[in-house]
Every structure is written in structure tokens, then in C-alpha cells.
Amino acid sequence: MDRSEVKVFLKSYRRLVERRRSVAERIKNIEDNATGTTAKLTGMPRASGTGDKVGRGAADAADFRKQLERIDAEAQDAEREIFFVIDKVRDAFRAEVLARHYLEFETLPQIAREMRFTERWISELHRRGIEDVARIIERRKNES
């Protein structure tokens, strides 16, 4: 497995978290629109088609909630898998850099400041950690 494939694997959790945020925002927008439409209808003669609009919004929100549940399950699996692989990295500093970057979404400069290392050294630890993960994944593939 090459470095770019390892990075794709490690970034899978982040992509799922971002997708979850997007779907959750979509649900919120649908619910806000439905609430606004319902509020406008209160005390007014019913306009043609507005009930359909509210019903469609509720159905859309339900569909997105199901999608959100699937994303949550995928994200948990991805997080567990990434944590498992990072946990196998023998060098504690490399493992910490990988965990903070790929599971906590910290940037390498943030990690450098907090760990009190230079950005160059954190970048080097990251590079070496990626190589470690590639070897770990290859070893796991060969064992199965």
C-alpha cells in the first residue's frame, strides 16, 4: 500500500464526519422551513399546496435521518479501524501525531505548537507514521 492510499484510508473518518455535518445541516434546514411554513399557516386560511410542502419536508427529513444513521455507523467503524491501526504504531510520538491529525482533525502546525516540536519535526513524524501504517496494513492483509 502506498502513502497516498494510506492517507485516503486515514482521511475516511474525516470525510464521514464532514458528510454527517452536511446531512445534519440539511435536516435542520428542512425542519426550519417546515416550522416556518407551519407558523405562517396558523390562523390563516389554508393555501393550496402548503400542506403538501410540509409533508414533503417531513418525508425528506425522515430520509435524511436514515442516511444520518448509516453515516454514523460508517463513521464509528472507520474511527475504530483507524484507531486500531494507529494503536499498532510502535513510536508513541508518531502515533500521537497520527491520532491528533486524523481522529481529532488538528493541523500539523497546531500539533507542533501543542507538542512543543518544530513543524518540520512533526511533518517528519507524520511521514514516518504514514509509512508505519502502510506496513501495518500490508501485514494485516498478508495475515488474512
C-alpha atoms as a PDB file:
ATOM      1  CA  MET A   1       0.000   0.000   0.000  1.00  0.00           C
ATOM      2  CA  ASP A   2       1.481   3.354  -0.967  1.00  0.00           C
ATOM      3  CA  ARG A   3       1.384   6.566   1.046  1.00  0.00           C
ATOM      4  CA  SER A   4      -1.488   8.098  -0.910  1.00  0.00           C
ATOM      5  CA  GLU A   5      -3.662   5.028  -0.277  1.00  0.00           C
ATOM      6  CA  VAL A   6      -2.820   5.185   3.425  1.00  0.00           C
ATOM      7  CA  LYS A   7      -3.838   8.842   3.550  1.00  0.00           C
ATOM      8  CA  VAL A   8      -7.135   8.051   1.824  1.00  0.00           C
ATOM      9  CA  PHE A   9      -7.766   5.361   4.440  1.00  0.00           C
ATOM     10  CA  LEU A  10      -6.848   7.690   7.315  1.00  0.00           C
ATOM     11  CA  LYS A  11      -8.982  10.526   5.921  1.00  0.00           C
ATOM     12  CA  SER A  12     -12.063   8.306   5.551  1.00  0.00           C
ATOM     13  CA  TYR A  13     -13.272   9.159   9.061  1.00  0.00           C
ATOM     14  CA  ARG A  14     -12.927  12.900   8.446  1.00  0.00           C
ATOM     15  CA  ARG A  15     -14.896  12.624   5.191  1.00  0.00           C
ATOM     16  CA  LEU A  16     -17.689  10.808   7.009  1.00  0.00           C
ATOM     17  CA  VAL A  17     -17.769  13.403   9.790  1.00  0.00           C
ATOM     18  CA  GLU A  18     -17.971  16.175   7.183  1.00  0.00           C
ATOM     19  CA  ARG A  19     -20.725  14.296   5.345  1.00  0.00           C
ATOM     20  CA  ARG A  20     -22.596  13.882   8.616  1.00  0.00           C
ATOM     21  CA  ARG A  21     -22.402  17.629   9.279  1.00  0.00           C
ATOM     22  CA  SER A  22     -23.740  18.319   5.811  1.00  0.00           C
ATOM     23  CA  VAL A  23     -26.684  15.923   6.188  1.00  0.00           C
ATOM     24  CA  ALA A  24     -27.450  17.223   9.703  1.00  0.00           C
ATOM     25  CA  GLU A  25     -27.454  20.778   8.333  1.00  0.00           C
ATOM     26  CA  ARG A  26     -29.801  19.687   5.550  1.00  0.00           C
ATOM     27  CA  ILE A  27     -32.188  18.174   8.125  1.00  0.00           C
ATOM     28  CA  LYS A  28     -32.069  21.377  10.164  1.00  0.00           C
ATOM     29  CA  ASN A  29     -32.868  23.468   7.085  1.00  0.00           C
ATOM     30  CA  ILE A  30     -35.790  21.211   6.164  1.00  0.00           C
ATOM     31  CA  GLU A  31     -37.144  21.358   9.708  1.00  0.00           C
ATOM     32  CA  ASP A  32     -36.677  25.134   9.889  1.00  0.00           C
ATOM     33  CA  ASN A  33     -38.510  25.554   6.590  1.00  0.00           C
ATOM     34  CA  ALA A  34     -41.302  23.240   7.725  1.00  0.00           C
ATOM     35  CA  THR A  35     -41.632  25.089  11.033  1.00  0.00           C
ATOM     36  CA  GLY A  36     -41.694  28.420   9.236  1.00  0.00           C
ATOM     37  CA  THR A  37     -44.336  27.212   6.798  1.00  0.00           C
ATOM     38  CA  THR A  38     -46.449  25.780   9.623  1.00  0.00           C
ATOM     39  CA  ALA A  39     -46.164  29.021  11.590  1.00  0.00           C
ATOM     40  CA  LYS A  40     -47.317  31.011   8.568  1.00  0.00           C
ATOM     41  CA  LEU A  41     -50.360  28.752   8.206  1.00  0.00           C
ATOM     42  CA  THR A  42     -51.553  29.221  11.797  1.00  0.00           C
ATOM     43  CA  GLY A  43     -54.588  31.448  11.883  1.00  0.00           C
ATOM     44  CA  MET A  44     -54.700  31.904   8.120  1.00  0.00           C
ATOM     45  CA  PRO A  45     -56.912  30.337   5.521  1.00  0.00           C
ATOM     46  CA  ARG A  46     -55.134  27.291   4.142  1.00  0.00           C
ATOM     47  CA  ALA A  47     -53.283  27.983   0.933  1.00  0.00           C
ATOM     48  CA  SER A  48     -53.397  25.311  -1.696  1.00  0.00           C
ATOM     49  CA  GLY A  49     -50.332  23.046  -1.734  1.00  0.00           C
ATOM     50  CA  THR A  50     -48.746  24.229   1.511  1.00  0.00           C
ATOM     51  CA  GLY A  51     -49.757  21.073   3.379  1.00  0.00           C
ATOM     52  CA  ASP A  52     -48.094  19.037   0.654  1.00  0.00           C
ATOM     53  CA  LYS A  53     -44.944  21.113   1.047  1.00  0.00           C
ATOM     54  CA  VAL A  54     -44.838  20.460   4.805  1.00  0.00           C
ATOM     55  CA  GLY A  55     -45.486  16.743   4.247  1.00  0.00           C
ATOM     56  CA  ARG A  56     -42.713  16.513   1.656  1.00  0.00           C
ATOM     57  CA  GLY A  57     -40.370  18.276   4.054  1.00  0.00           C
ATOM     58  CA  ALA A  58     -41.154  15.786   6.805  1.00  0.00           C
ATOM     59  CA  ALA A  59     -40.606  12.857   4.434  1.00  0.00           C
ATOM     60  CA  ASP A  60     -37.319  14.363   3.234  1.00  0.00           C
ATOM     61  CA  ALA A  61     -36.179  14.889   6.821  1.00  0.00           C
ATOM     62  CA  ALA A  62     -37.020  11.255   7.659  1.00  0.00           C
ATOM     63  CA  ASP A  63     -34.992  10.069   4.649  1.00  0.00           C
ATOM     64  CA  PHE A  64     -32.049  12.212   5.695  1.00  0.00           C
ATOM     65  CA  ARG A  65     -32.290  10.903   9.277  1.00  0.00           C
ATOM     66  CA  LYS A  66     -31.959   7.346   7.939  1.00  0.00           C
ATOM     67  CA  GLN A  67     -28.968   8.470   5.895  1.00  0.00           C
ATOM     68  CA  LEU A  68     -27.526  10.079   9.030  1.00  0.00           C
ATOM     69  CA  GLU A  69     -27.840   6.786  10.922  1.00  0.00           C
ATOM     70  CA  ARG A  70     -25.938   4.966   8.158  1.00  0.00           C
ATOM     71  CA  ILE A  71     -23.236   7.632   8.140  1.00  0.00           C
ATOM     72  CA  ASP A  72     -22.922   7.424  11.934  1.00  0.00           C
ATOM     73  CA  ALA A  73     -22.461   3.653  11.738  1.00  0.00           C
ATOM     74  CA  GLU A  74     -19.864   4.002   8.954  1.00  0.00           C
ATOM     75  CA  ALA A  75     -18.054   6.748  10.886  1.00  0.00           C
ATOM     76  CA  GLN A  76     -17.892   4.599  14.021  1.00  0.00           C
ATOM     77  CA  ASP A  77     -16.487   1.693  12.011  1.00  0.00           C
ATOM     78  CA  ALA A  78     -13.936   3.936  10.292  1.00  0.00           C
ATOM     79  CA  GLU A  79     -12.891   5.567  13.571  1.00  0.00           C
ATOM     80  CA  ARG A  80     -12.496   2.147  15.217  1.00  0.00           C
ATOM     81  CA  GLU A  81     -10.437   0.796  12.311  1.00  0.00           C
ATOM     82  CA  ILE A  82      -8.188   3.863  12.149  1.00  0.00           C
ATOM     83  CA  PHE A  83      -7.704   3.847  15.922  1.00  0.00           C
ATOM     84  CA  PHE A  84      -6.826   0.143  15.794  1.00  0.00           C
ATOM     85  CA  VAL A  85      -4.164   0.709  13.125  1.00  0.00           C
ATOM     86  CA  ILE A  86      -2.717   3.835  14.766  1.00  0.00           C
ATOM     87  CA  ASP A  87      -2.599   1.960  18.071  1.00  0.00           C
ATOM     88  CA  LYS A  88      -0.257  -0.561  16.387  1.00  0.00           C
ATOM     89  CA  VAL A  89       2.298   2.180  15.575  1.00  0.00           C
ATOM     90  CA  ARG A  90       5.164   1.497  17.984  1.00  0.00           C
ATOM     91  CA  ASP A  91       6.556   5.024  18.232  1.00  0.00           C
ATOM     92  CA  ALA A  92       4.336   6.953  20.651  1.00  0.00           C
ATOM     93  CA  PHE A  93       5.089  10.350  19.086  1.00  0.00           C
ATOM     94  CA  ARG A  94       4.208   9.139  15.594  1.00  0.00           C
ATOM     95  CA  ALA A  95       1.016   7.535  16.887  1.00  0.00           C
ATOM     96  CA  GLU A  96       0.052  10.724  18.713  1.00  0.00           C
ATOM     97  CA  VAL A  97       0.611  12.868  15.622  1.00  0.00           C
ATOM     98  CA  LEU A  98      -1.493  10.493  13.504  1.00  0.00           C
ATOM     99  CA  ALA A  99      -4.299  10.290  16.066  1.00  0.00           C
ATOM    100  CA  ARG A 100      -4.450  14.030  16.580  1.00  0.00           C
ATOM    101  CA  HIS A 101      -4.354  14.731  12.860  1.00  0.00           C
ATOM    102  CA  TYR A 102      -6.745  12.064  11.568  1.00  0.00           C
ATOM    103  CA  LEU A 103      -9.081  11.487  14.517  1.00  0.00           C
ATOM    104  CA  GLU A 104      -9.105  14.885  16.218  1.00  0.00           C
ATOM    105  CA  PHE A 105      -8.650  16.890  12.969  1.00  0.00           C
ATOM    106  CA  GLU A 106      -5.796  19.038  14.267  1.00  0.00           C
ATOM    107  CA  THR A 107      -3.461  20.580  11.723  1.00  0.00           C
ATOM    108  CA  LEU A 108       0.233  19.709  11.797  1.00  0.00           C
ATOM    109  CA  PRO A 109       1.153  23.282  12.902  1.00  0.00           C
ATOM    110  CA  GLN A 110      -1.355  23.012  15.792  1.00  0.00           C
ATOM    111  CA  ILE A 111       0.131  19.686  16.807  1.00  0.00           C
ATOM    112  CA  ALA A 112       3.647  21.146  16.650  1.00  0.00           C
ATOM    113  CA  ARG A 113       2.701  24.017  18.953  1.00  0.00           C
ATOM    114  CA  GLU A 114       0.931  21.784  21.463  1.00  0.00           C
ATOM    115  CA  MET A 115       3.632  19.111  21.484  1.00  0.00           C
ATOM    116  CA  ARG A 116       6.350  21.816  21.521  1.00  0.00           C
ATOM    117  CA  PHE A 117       8.172  20.486  18.473  1.00  0.00           C
ATOM    118  CA  THR A 118       9.014  22.231  15.239  1.00  0.00           C
ATOM    119  CA  GLU A 119       6.577  21.928  12.370  1.00  0.00           C
ATOM    120  CA  ARG A 120       9.327  20.254  10.374  1.00  0.00           C
ATOM    121  CA  TRP A 121       9.773  17.547  13.008  1.00  0.00           C
ATOM    122  CA  ILE A 122       6.004  16.974  13.279  1.00  0.00           C
ATOM    123  CA  SER A 123       5.866  16.688   9.493  1.00  0.00           C
ATOM    124  CA  GLU A 124       8.654  14.106   9.652  1.00  0.00           C
ATOM    125  CA  LEU A 125       6.869  12.168  12.417  1.00  0.00           C
ATOM    126  CA  HIS A 126       3.720  12.260  10.278  1.00  0.00           C
ATOM    127  CA  ARG A 127       5.594  10.954   7.227  1.00  0.00           C
ATOM    128  CA  ARG A 128       7.175   8.148   9.217  1.00  0.00           C
ATOM    129  CA  GLY A 129       3.841   7.349  10.855  1.00  0.00           C
ATOM    130  CA  ILE A 130       2.227   7.029   7.418  1.00  0.00           C
ATOM    131  CA  GLU A 131       4.959   4.561   6.433  1.00  0.00           C
ATOM    132  CA  ASP A 132       4.346   2.611   9.655  1.00  0.00           C
ATOM    133  CA  VAL A 133       0.611   2.448   8.926  1.00  0.00           C
ATOM    134  CA  ALA A 134       1.306   1.238   5.367  1.00  0.00           C
ATOM    135  CA  ARG A 135       3.412  -1.622   6.765  1.00  0.00           C
ATOM    136  CA  ILE A 136       0.796  -2.470   9.394  1.00  0.00           C
ATOM    137  CA  ILE A 137      -1.978  -2.605   6.802  1.00  0.00           C
ATOM    138  CA  GLU A 138       0.131  -4.735   4.456  1.00  0.00           C
ATOM    139  CA  ARG A 139       0.967  -7.116   7.293  1.00  0.00           C
ATOM    140  CA  ARG A 140      -2.725  -7.419   8.193  1.00  0.00           C
ATOM    141  CA  LYS A 141      -3.610  -8.140   4.558  1.00  0.00           C
ATOM    142  CA  ASN A 142      -0.988 -10.871   4.347  1.00  0.00           C
ATOM    143  CA  GLU A 143      -2.177 -12.463   7.589  1.00  0.00           C
ATOM    144  CA  SER A 144      -5.764 -12.761   6.408  1.00  0.00           C
END
